[in-house]
Amino acid sequence: MNLNNQGEQSMSINSSSGVSLGVPNSMRTEAGEKTYQKAKKDKTLVPLHSEEALAKWEDWTLIKNRFPYGLVFTTHHMLVPTRPYAARTDMNAREKRNLDNILNLLQHKYDIIFENTPRQRSIKTLYHIHLATWKQREQVKPKAPTKPTKPKKSTV
């Protein structure tokens, strides 16, 4: 694992042809990660608070993650503050109270609610919370099993 010039962790992920893709370590699919990296390179990303709202509350907006962690989730939304700030510690008392109320309301609609640590955040300037639904085991495509090889006959 290496750090790129933005301080993001990266690792070599091999495509089905065995070619190292060198994409950052993430829970996005290979195609999703390539799309995200291309959008970053092309500077076509938009601020999260500009994304279309799925729901709005005082201080918070629920959006669909345009670059979801599709390897493990079928649904991937994010809660973003209406007032931009970088860290949980930057919230005022009302924002914290409203966040608690929203999370209580939404906790039964998702399987997991989480935030990435500062080291893992791809968007370091805007605090946000991930809300997601796990893929069921049958939805996760395992790698094709390798064919068993027959043991070689002994020449002794």
N, C-alpha and C. Protein backbone atom coordinates (compact mmCIF):
# COMPACT_ATOMS: atom_id res chain seq x y z
N MET A 1 0.84 -1.17 0.00
CA MET A 1 0.00 0.00 0.00
C MET A 1 0.89 1.24 0.00
N ASN A 2 0.51 2.24 -0.77
CA ASN A 2 1.29 3.47 -0.90
C ASN A 2 0.39 4.66 -0.68
N LEU A 3 0.98 5.84 -0.45
CA LEU A 3 0.23 7.08 -0.40
C LEU A 3 0.49 7.83 -1.69
N ASN A 4 -0.59 8.32 -2.31
CA ASN A 4 -0.40 9.12 -3.52
C ASN A 4 -0.16 10.58 -3.11
N ASN A 5 -0.07 11.47 -4.09
CA ASN A 5 0.28 12.86 -3.77
C ASN A 5 -0.85 13.62 -3.07
N GLN A 6 -2.08 13.05 -2.99
CA GLN A 6 -3.15 13.66 -2.22
C GLN A 6 -3.22 13.06 -0.83
N GLY A 7 -2.31 12.16 -0.49
CA GLY A 7 -2.32 11.53 0.82
C GLY A 7 -3.31 10.38 0.92
N GLU A 8 -3.88 9.94 -0.21
CA GLU A 8 -4.81 8.83 -0.19
C GLU A 8 -4.05 7.52 -0.26
N GLN A 9 -4.58 6.51 0.40
CA GLN A 9 -3.96 5.20 0.32
C GLN A 9 -4.28 4.60 -1.04
N SER A 10 -3.34 3.91 -1.59
CA SER A 10 -3.61 3.20 -2.83
C SER A 10 -2.95 1.84 -2.76
N MET A 11 -3.48 0.94 -3.54
CA MET A 11 -2.88 -0.38 -3.62
C MET A 11 -3.08 -0.87 -5.03
N SER A 12 -2.32 -1.83 -5.41
CA SER A 12 -2.48 -2.38 -6.75
C SER A 12 -3.63 -3.36 -6.74
N ILE A 13 -4.60 -3.09 -7.59
CA ILE A 13 -5.72 -3.99 -7.78
C ILE A 13 -5.56 -4.56 -9.17
N ASN A 14 -5.58 -5.87 -9.27
CA ASN A 14 -5.38 -6.50 -10.57
C ASN A 14 -6.70 -6.71 -11.26
N SER A 15 -6.74 -6.36 -12.53
CA SER A 15 -7.93 -6.62 -13.34
C SER A 15 -7.95 -8.09 -13.68
N SER A 16 -9.01 -8.52 -14.34
CA SER A 16 -9.12 -9.94 -14.69
C SER A 16 -7.99 -10.38 -15.62
N SER A 17 -7.38 -9.42 -16.30
CA SER A 17 -6.25 -9.77 -17.17
C SER A 17 -4.93 -9.78 -16.41
N GLY A 18 -4.98 -9.45 -15.10
CA GLY A 18 -3.78 -9.46 -14.29
C GLY A 18 -3.00 -8.16 -14.33
N VAL A 19 -3.52 -7.13 -15.02
CA VAL A 19 -2.84 -5.85 -15.12
C VAL A 19 -3.11 -5.05 -13.85
N SER A 20 -2.07 -4.49 -13.25
CA SER A 20 -2.22 -3.68 -12.06
C SER A 20 -2.87 -2.36 -12.43
N LEU A 21 -3.98 -2.02 -11.74
CA LEU A 21 -4.70 -0.80 -12.05
C LEU A 21 -4.21 0.38 -11.22
N GLY A 22 -3.60 0.11 -10.06
CA GLY A 22 -3.08 1.18 -9.21
C GLY A 22 -4.15 2.13 -8.72
N VAL A 23 -5.38 1.65 -8.50
CA VAL A 23 -6.45 2.53 -8.03
C VAL A 23 -6.44 2.60 -6.51
N PRO A 24 -6.97 3.70 -5.93
CA PRO A 24 -7.00 3.81 -4.48
C PRO A 24 -7.79 2.67 -3.85
N ASN A 25 -7.45 2.35 -2.62
CA ASN A 25 -8.12 1.32 -1.85
C ASN A 25 -9.51 1.84 -1.48
N SER A 26 -10.57 1.18 -1.96
CA SER A 26 -11.91 1.62 -1.63
C SER A 26 -12.89 0.46 -1.74
N MET A 27 -14.12 0.73 -1.36
CA MET A 27 -15.18 -0.27 -1.49
C MET A 27 -15.99 -0.05 -2.76
N ARG A 28 -15.49 0.79 -3.65
CA ARG A 28 -16.16 0.97 -4.94
C ARG A 28 -15.80 -0.20 -5.84
N THR A 29 -16.66 -0.44 -6.82
CA THR A 29 -16.31 -1.44 -7.82
C THR A 29 -15.15 -0.89 -8.64
N GLU A 30 -14.49 -1.74 -9.39
CA GLU A 30 -13.38 -1.29 -10.23
C GLU A 30 -13.85 -0.20 -11.20
N ALA A 31 -15.00 -0.42 -11.83
CA ALA A 31 -15.54 0.57 -12.77
C ALA A 31 -15.92 1.85 -12.04
N GLY A 32 -16.53 1.71 -10.86
CA GLY A 32 -16.92 2.88 -10.08
C GLY A 32 -15.72 3.70 -9.64
N GLU A 33 -14.65 3.03 -9.24
CA GLU A 33 -13.44 3.72 -8.82
C GLU A 33 -12.80 4.45 -10.00
N LYS A 34 -12.78 3.80 -11.15
CA LYS A 34 -12.22 4.45 -12.35
C LYS A 34 -13.03 5.70 -12.70
N THR A 35 -14.37 5.59 -12.61
CA THR A 35 -15.24 6.73 -12.91
C THR A 35 -14.98 7.87 -11.93
N TYR A 36 -14.84 7.53 -10.64
CA TYR A 36 -14.57 8.54 -9.63
C TYR A 36 -13.22 9.22 -9.87
N GLN A 37 -12.19 8.43 -10.13
CA GLN A 37 -10.86 9.00 -10.37
C GLN A 37 -10.85 9.88 -11.62
N LYS A 38 -11.59 9.48 -12.65
CA LYS A 38 -11.67 10.28 -13.88
C LYS A 38 -12.38 11.61 -13.59
N ALA A 39 -13.45 11.56 -12.80
CA ALA A 39 -14.17 12.79 -12.45
C ALA A 39 -13.27 13.74 -11.65
N LYS A 40 -12.46 13.17 -10.75
CA LYS A 40 -11.51 14.00 -9.99
C LYS A 40 -10.49 14.63 -10.93
N LYS A 41 -9.93 13.80 -11.82
CA LYS A 41 -8.90 14.28 -12.75
C LYS A 41 -9.47 15.36 -13.68
N ASP A 42 -10.70 15.13 -14.17
CA ASP A 42 -11.33 16.06 -15.11
C ASP A 42 -11.96 17.26 -14.42
N LYS A 43 -11.92 17.25 -13.06
CA LYS A 43 -12.49 18.34 -12.26
C LYS A 43 -13.98 18.52 -12.54
N THR A 44 -14.70 17.39 -12.65
CA THR A 44 -16.15 17.44 -12.90
C THR A 44 -16.96 17.09 -11.64
N LEU A 45 -16.27 16.94 -10.50
CA LEU A 45 -16.99 16.69 -9.26
C LEU A 45 -17.72 17.95 -8.84
N VAL A 46 -18.88 17.78 -8.22
CA VAL A 46 -19.62 18.93 -7.69
C VAL A 46 -19.66 18.81 -6.17
N PRO A 47 -19.78 19.92 -5.47
CA PRO A 47 -19.86 19.85 -4.01
C PRO A 47 -21.05 18.98 -3.58
N LEU A 48 -20.87 18.21 -2.52
CA LEU A 48 -21.93 17.31 -2.06
C LEU A 48 -23.22 18.05 -1.76
N HIS A 49 -23.12 19.25 -1.18
CA HIS A 49 -24.34 19.99 -0.85
C HIS A 49 -25.07 20.50 -2.10
N SER A 50 -24.46 20.36 -3.29
CA SER A 50 -25.11 20.73 -4.55
C SER A 50 -25.82 19.56 -5.22
N GLU A 51 -25.61 18.35 -4.69
CA GLU A 51 -26.27 17.16 -5.25
C GLU A 51 -27.78 17.23 -4.98
N GLU A 52 -28.55 16.54 -5.81
CA GLU A 52 -30.00 16.51 -5.64
C GLU A 52 -30.36 15.87 -4.29
N ALA A 53 -31.26 16.53 -3.58
CA ALA A 53 -31.65 16.05 -2.25
C ALA A 53 -32.70 14.94 -2.35
N LEU A 54 -32.48 13.88 -1.58
CA LEU A 54 -33.50 12.84 -1.42
C LEU A 54 -34.46 13.24 -0.30
N ALA A 55 -33.93 13.96 0.69
CA ALA A 55 -34.73 14.49 1.80
C ALA A 55 -33.95 15.65 2.42
N LYS A 56 -34.69 16.59 3.02
CA LYS A 56 -34.06 17.74 3.67
C LYS A 56 -34.66 17.94 5.05
N TRP A 57 -33.79 18.32 5.96
CA TRP A 57 -34.17 18.69 7.31
C TRP A 57 -33.43 19.98 7.63
N GLU A 58 -33.79 20.57 8.76
CA GLU A 58 -33.04 21.73 9.21
C GLU A 58 -31.61 21.27 9.46
N ASP A 59 -30.66 21.89 8.83
CA ASP A 59 -29.22 21.65 8.98
C ASP A 59 -28.66 20.46 8.19
N TRP A 60 -29.49 19.56 7.65
CA TRP A 60 -28.98 18.35 7.02
C TRP A 60 -29.74 18.01 5.75
N THR A 61 -29.02 17.41 4.78
CA THR A 61 -29.60 16.96 3.53
C THR A 61 -29.15 15.53 3.26
N LEU A 62 -30.08 14.68 2.84
CA LEU A 62 -29.78 13.31 2.46
C LEU A 62 -29.64 13.25 0.94
N ILE A 63 -28.49 12.71 0.47
CA ILE A 63 -28.24 12.62 -0.97
C ILE A 63 -27.83 11.19 -1.33
N LYS A 64 -27.94 10.87 -2.59
CA LYS A 64 -27.44 9.60 -3.11
C LYS A 64 -25.96 9.78 -3.40
N ASN A 65 -25.15 8.81 -3.02
CA ASN A 65 -23.73 8.89 -3.32
C ASN A 65 -23.55 8.60 -4.81
N ARG A 66 -23.04 9.56 -5.54
CA ARG A 66 -22.84 9.40 -6.99
C ARG A 66 -21.74 8.40 -7.31
N PHE A 67 -20.87 8.14 -6.35
CA PHE A 67 -19.78 7.17 -6.52
C PHE A 67 -19.86 6.17 -5.36
N PRO A 68 -20.88 5.31 -5.37
CA PRO A 68 -21.15 4.45 -4.22
C PRO A 68 -20.11 3.36 -4.01
N TYR A 69 -20.11 2.83 -2.81
CA TYR A 69 -19.26 1.69 -2.45
C TYR A 69 -20.00 0.42 -2.90
N GLY A 70 -20.04 0.25 -4.22
CA GLY A 70 -20.84 -0.80 -4.84
C GLY A 70 -20.34 -2.21 -4.65
N LEU A 71 -19.12 -2.38 -4.15
CA LEU A 71 -18.66 -3.74 -3.88
C LEU A 71 -19.46 -4.39 -2.77
N VAL A 72 -19.91 -3.60 -1.82
CA VAL A 72 -20.56 -4.18 -0.64
C VAL A 72 -21.96 -3.66 -0.35
N PHE A 73 -22.37 -2.55 -0.98
CA PHE A 73 -23.67 -1.97 -0.67
C PHE A 73 -24.58 -1.92 -1.91
N THR A 74 -25.88 -2.15 -1.69
CA THR A 74 -26.86 -1.96 -2.76
C THR A 74 -27.39 -0.53 -2.74
N THR A 75 -27.46 0.06 -1.56
CA THR A 75 -27.90 1.45 -1.38
C THR A 75 -26.79 2.18 -0.65
N HIS A 76 -26.46 3.38 -1.13
CA HIS A 76 -25.42 4.17 -0.46
C HIS A 76 -25.79 5.64 -0.55
N HIS A 77 -26.29 6.16 0.57
CA HIS A 77 -26.65 7.57 0.68
C HIS A 77 -25.69 8.26 1.63
N MET A 78 -25.77 9.59 1.65
CA MET A 78 -24.95 10.37 2.56
C MET A 78 -25.77 11.50 3.17
N LEU A 79 -25.51 11.78 4.43
CA LEU A 79 -26.06 12.95 5.09
C LEU A 79 -24.99 14.02 5.07
N VAL A 80 -25.33 15.17 4.52
CA VAL A 80 -24.37 16.28 4.47
C VAL A 80 -24.97 17.50 5.17
N PRO A 81 -24.15 18.25 5.87
CA PRO A 81 -24.67 19.44 6.55
C PRO A 81 -24.97 20.55 5.53
N THR A 82 -25.97 21.36 5.84
CA THR A 82 -26.27 22.50 4.96
C THR A 82 -25.25 23.62 5.16
N ARG A 83 -24.66 23.68 6.34
CA ARG A 83 -23.57 24.62 6.61
C ARG A 83 -22.27 23.83 6.50
N PRO A 84 -21.45 24.14 5.52
CA PRO A 84 -20.22 23.34 5.34
C PRO A 84 -19.23 23.49 6.49
N TYR A 85 -18.71 22.36 6.94
CA TYR A 85 -17.61 22.31 7.90
C TYR A 85 -16.92 20.97 7.74
N ALA A 86 -15.70 20.87 8.24
CA ALA A 86 -14.85 19.72 7.95
C ALA A 86 -14.94 18.58 8.96
N ALA A 87 -15.32 18.87 10.19
CA ALA A 87 -15.25 17.84 11.23
C ALA A 87 -16.48 17.84 12.12
N ARG A 88 -16.75 16.69 12.70
CA ARG A 88 -17.86 16.54 13.64
C ARG A 88 -17.76 17.57 14.77
N THR A 89 -16.55 17.86 15.18
CA THR A 89 -16.33 18.80 16.29
C THR A 89 -16.69 20.24 15.92
N ASP A 90 -16.93 20.52 14.64
CA ASP A 90 -17.31 21.86 14.19
C ASP A 90 -18.82 22.11 14.26
N MET A 91 -19.60 21.07 14.59
CA MET A 91 -21.06 21.22 14.69
C MET A 91 -21.43 22.05 15.91
N ASN A 92 -22.49 22.84 15.76
CA ASN A 92 -23.01 23.54 16.93
C ASN A 92 -24.05 22.64 17.61
N ALA A 93 -24.57 23.07 18.74
CA ALA A 93 -25.48 22.24 19.54
C ALA A 93 -26.75 21.88 18.77
N ARG A 94 -27.32 22.83 18.05
CA ARG A 94 -28.55 22.56 17.28
C ARG A 94 -28.29 21.53 16.19
N GLU A 95 -27.16 21.67 15.48
CA GLU A 95 -26.82 20.71 14.42
C GLU A 95 -26.64 19.30 14.98
N LYS A 96 -26.00 19.19 16.13
CA LYS A 96 -25.82 17.88 16.78
C LYS A 96 -27.17 17.28 17.17
N ARG A 97 -28.03 18.10 17.76
CA ARG A 97 -29.36 17.64 18.18
C ARG A 97 -30.17 17.18 16.96
N ASN A 98 -30.13 17.98 15.89
CA ASN A 98 -30.86 17.62 14.68
C ASN A 98 -30.30 16.35 14.04
N LEU A 99 -28.98 16.20 14.05
CA LEU A 99 -28.36 14.99 13.51
C LEU A 99 -28.81 13.78 14.31
N ASP A 100 -28.81 13.87 15.62
CA ASP A 100 -29.26 12.75 16.45
C ASP A 100 -30.70 12.36 16.11
N ASN A 101 -31.57 13.36 15.95
CA ASN A 101 -32.97 13.09 15.62
C ASN A 101 -33.10 12.42 14.25
N ILE A 102 -32.34 12.88 13.28
CA ILE A 102 -32.39 12.30 11.94
C ILE A 102 -31.86 10.86 11.95
N LEU A 103 -30.76 10.63 12.63
CA LEU A 103 -30.20 9.28 12.70
C LEU A 103 -31.17 8.33 13.40
N ASN A 104 -31.87 8.81 14.43
CA ASN A 104 -32.88 7.98 15.08
C ASN A 104 -34.02 7.66 14.11
N LEU A 105 -34.38 8.60 13.30
CA LEU A 105 -35.44 8.40 12.31
C LEU A 105 -35.03 7.41 11.22
N LEU A 106 -33.77 7.49 10.79
CA LEU A 106 -33.30 6.69 9.64
C LEU A 106 -32.67 5.35 10.01
N GLN A 107 -32.38 5.12 11.27
CA GLN A 107 -31.61 3.94 11.65
C GLN A 107 -32.26 2.62 11.24
N HIS A 108 -33.56 2.58 11.06
CA HIS A 108 -34.23 1.33 10.68
C HIS A 108 -34.37 1.19 9.17
N LYS A 109 -33.94 2.18 8.43
CA LYS A 109 -34.03 2.13 6.97
C LYS A 109 -32.73 1.65 6.32
N TYR A 110 -31.65 1.58 7.08
CA TYR A 110 -30.34 1.21 6.57
C TYR A 110 -29.75 0.10 7.44
N ASP A 111 -28.76 -0.59 6.89
CA ASP A 111 -28.06 -1.63 7.65
C ASP A 111 -26.89 -1.06 8.44
N ILE A 112 -26.30 0.01 7.93
CA ILE A 112 -25.10 0.56 8.56
C ILE A 112 -25.07 2.07 8.35
N ILE A 113 -24.67 2.77 9.39
CA ILE A 113 -24.45 4.22 9.34
C ILE A 113 -23.04 4.44 9.84
N PHE A 114 -22.21 5.11 9.03
CA PHE A 114 -20.81 5.26 9.42
C PHE A 114 -20.21 6.53 8.85
N GLU A 115 -19.08 6.90 9.42
CA GLU A 115 -18.27 7.98 8.86
C GLU A 115 -16.86 7.46 8.71
N ASN A 116 -16.20 7.88 7.66
CA ASN A 116 -14.80 7.50 7.47
C ASN A 116 -13.92 8.35 8.38
N THR A 117 -12.81 7.80 8.78
CA THR A 117 -11.87 8.55 9.59
C THR A 117 -11.22 9.62 8.71
N PRO A 118 -10.66 10.67 9.31
CA PRO A 118 -10.03 11.70 8.49
C PRO A 118 -8.99 11.15 7.51
N ARG A 119 -8.27 10.12 7.91
CA ARG A 119 -7.25 9.54 7.03
C ARG A 119 -7.87 8.91 5.78
N GLN A 120 -9.08 8.38 5.89
CA GLN A 120 -9.72 7.67 4.78
C GLN A 120 -10.68 8.53 3.97
N ARG A 121 -11.03 9.71 4.44
CA ARG A 121 -12.00 10.55 3.72
C ARG A 121 -11.45 11.01 2.38
N SER A 122 -12.26 10.84 1.35
CA SER A 122 -11.86 11.39 0.05
C SER A 122 -12.24 12.86 -0.03
N ILE A 123 -13.24 13.26 0.75
CA ILE A 123 -13.66 14.67 0.82
C ILE A 123 -13.35 15.14 2.23
N LYS A 124 -12.23 15.79 2.38
CA LYS A 124 -11.76 16.16 3.71
C LYS A 124 -12.33 17.49 4.20
N THR A 125 -12.90 18.29 3.31
CA THR A 125 -13.36 19.62 3.69
C THR A 125 -14.83 19.68 4.05
N LEU A 126 -15.57 18.59 3.88
CA LEU A 126 -17.00 18.58 4.22
C LEU A 126 -17.34 17.33 5.01
N TYR A 127 -17.70 17.53 6.25
CA TYR A 127 -18.12 16.42 7.10
C TYR A 127 -19.35 15.77 6.46
N HIS A 128 -19.42 14.46 6.48
CA HIS A 128 -20.58 13.75 5.96
C HIS A 128 -20.65 12.36 6.57
N ILE A 129 -21.84 11.81 6.57
CA ILE A 129 -22.10 10.50 7.16
C ILE A 129 -22.66 9.60 6.08
N HIS A 130 -22.18 8.36 6.03
CA HIS A 130 -22.65 7.37 5.05
C HIS A 130 -23.78 6.55 5.66
N LEU A 131 -24.80 6.27 4.87
CA LEU A 131 -25.91 5.40 5.27
C LEU A 131 -26.05 4.38 4.15
N ALA A 132 -26.03 3.11 4.48
CA ALA A 132 -25.98 2.11 3.42
C ALA A 132 -26.71 0.83 3.79
N THR A 133 -27.00 0.06 2.75
CA THR A 133 -27.62 -1.25 2.89
C THR A 133 -26.67 -2.27 2.28
N TRP A 134 -26.32 -3.29 3.06
CA TRP A 134 -25.40 -4.32 2.60
C TRP A 134 -25.98 -5.11 1.44
N LYS A 135 -25.12 -5.54 0.55
CA LYS A 135 -25.52 -6.52 -0.45
C LYS A 135 -25.74 -7.84 0.28
N GLN A 136 -26.70 -8.61 -0.17
CA GLN A 136 -26.90 -9.94 0.40
C GLN A 136 -25.81 -10.84 -0.16
N ARG A 137 -25.48 -11.88 0.55
CA ARG A 137 -24.40 -12.77 0.13
C ARG A 137 -24.55 -13.23 -1.32
N GLU A 138 -25.78 -13.51 -1.74
CA GLU A 138 -25.97 -14.00 -3.11
C GLU A 138 -25.77 -12.88 -4.14
N GLN A 139 -25.75 -11.62 -3.70
CA GLN A 139 -25.52 -10.51 -4.61
C GLN A 139 -24.04 -10.21 -4.80
N VAL A 140 -23.22 -10.66 -3.88
CA VAL A 140 -21.78 -10.43 -3.98
C VAL A 140 -21.21 -11.52 -4.86
N LYS A 141 -20.59 -11.10 -5.95
CA LYS A 141 -20.06 -12.06 -6.91
C LYS A 141 -18.66 -12.48 -6.49
N PRO A 142 -18.50 -13.71 -6.04
CA PRO A 142 -17.15 -14.15 -5.67
C PRO A 142 -16.32 -14.38 -6.92
N LYS A 143 -15.03 -14.39 -6.73
CA LYS A 143 -14.14 -14.70 -7.84
C LYS A 143 -14.40 -16.12 -8.30
N ALA A 144 -14.29 -16.35 -9.59
CA ALA A 144 -14.50 -17.69 -10.13
C ALA A 144 -13.48 -18.64 -9.51
N PRO A 145 -13.95 -19.82 -9.07
CA PRO A 145 -13.00 -20.75 -8.46
C PRO A 145 -12.02 -21.26 -9.51
N THR A 146 -10.84 -21.52 -9.07
CA THR A 146 -9.85 -22.08 -9.99
C THR A 146 -10.09 -23.57 -10.10
N LYS A 147 -9.80 -24.11 -11.25
CA LYS A 147 -10.01 -25.54 -11.46
C LYS A 147 -8.98 -26.31 -10.65
N PRO A 148 -9.43 -27.36 -9.97
CA PRO A 148 -8.46 -28.15 -9.21
C PRO A 148 -7.53 -28.88 -10.18
N THR A 149 -6.32 -29.00 -9.75
CA THR A 149 -5.35 -29.71 -10.60
C THR A 149 -5.18 -31.12 -10.07
N LYS A 150 -4.97 -32.03 -10.98
CA LYS A 150 -4.75 -33.42 -10.59
C LYS A 150 -3.32 -33.56 -10.12
N PRO A 151 -3.13 -34.33 -9.06
CA PRO A 151 -1.75 -34.53 -8.59
C PRO A 151 -0.96 -35.31 -9.64
N LYS A 152 0.30 -34.93 -9.77
CA LYS A 152 1.16 -35.63 -10.73
C LYS A 152 1.47 -37.02 -10.22
N LYS A 153 1.54 -37.94 -11.14
CA LYS A 153 1.87 -39.32 -10.76
C LYS A 153 3.35 -39.40 -10.39
N SER A 154 3.57 -40.14 -9.37
CA SER A 154 4.94 -40.31 -8.90
C SER A 154 5.73 -41.19 -9.87
N THR A 155 6.95 -40.81 -10.11
CA THR A 155 7.80 -41.61 -11.01
C THR A 155 8.72 -42.53 -10.23
N VAL A 156 8.53 -42.54 -8.93
CA VAL A 156 9.39 -43.39 -8.08
C VAL A 156 8.87 -44.79 -8.03
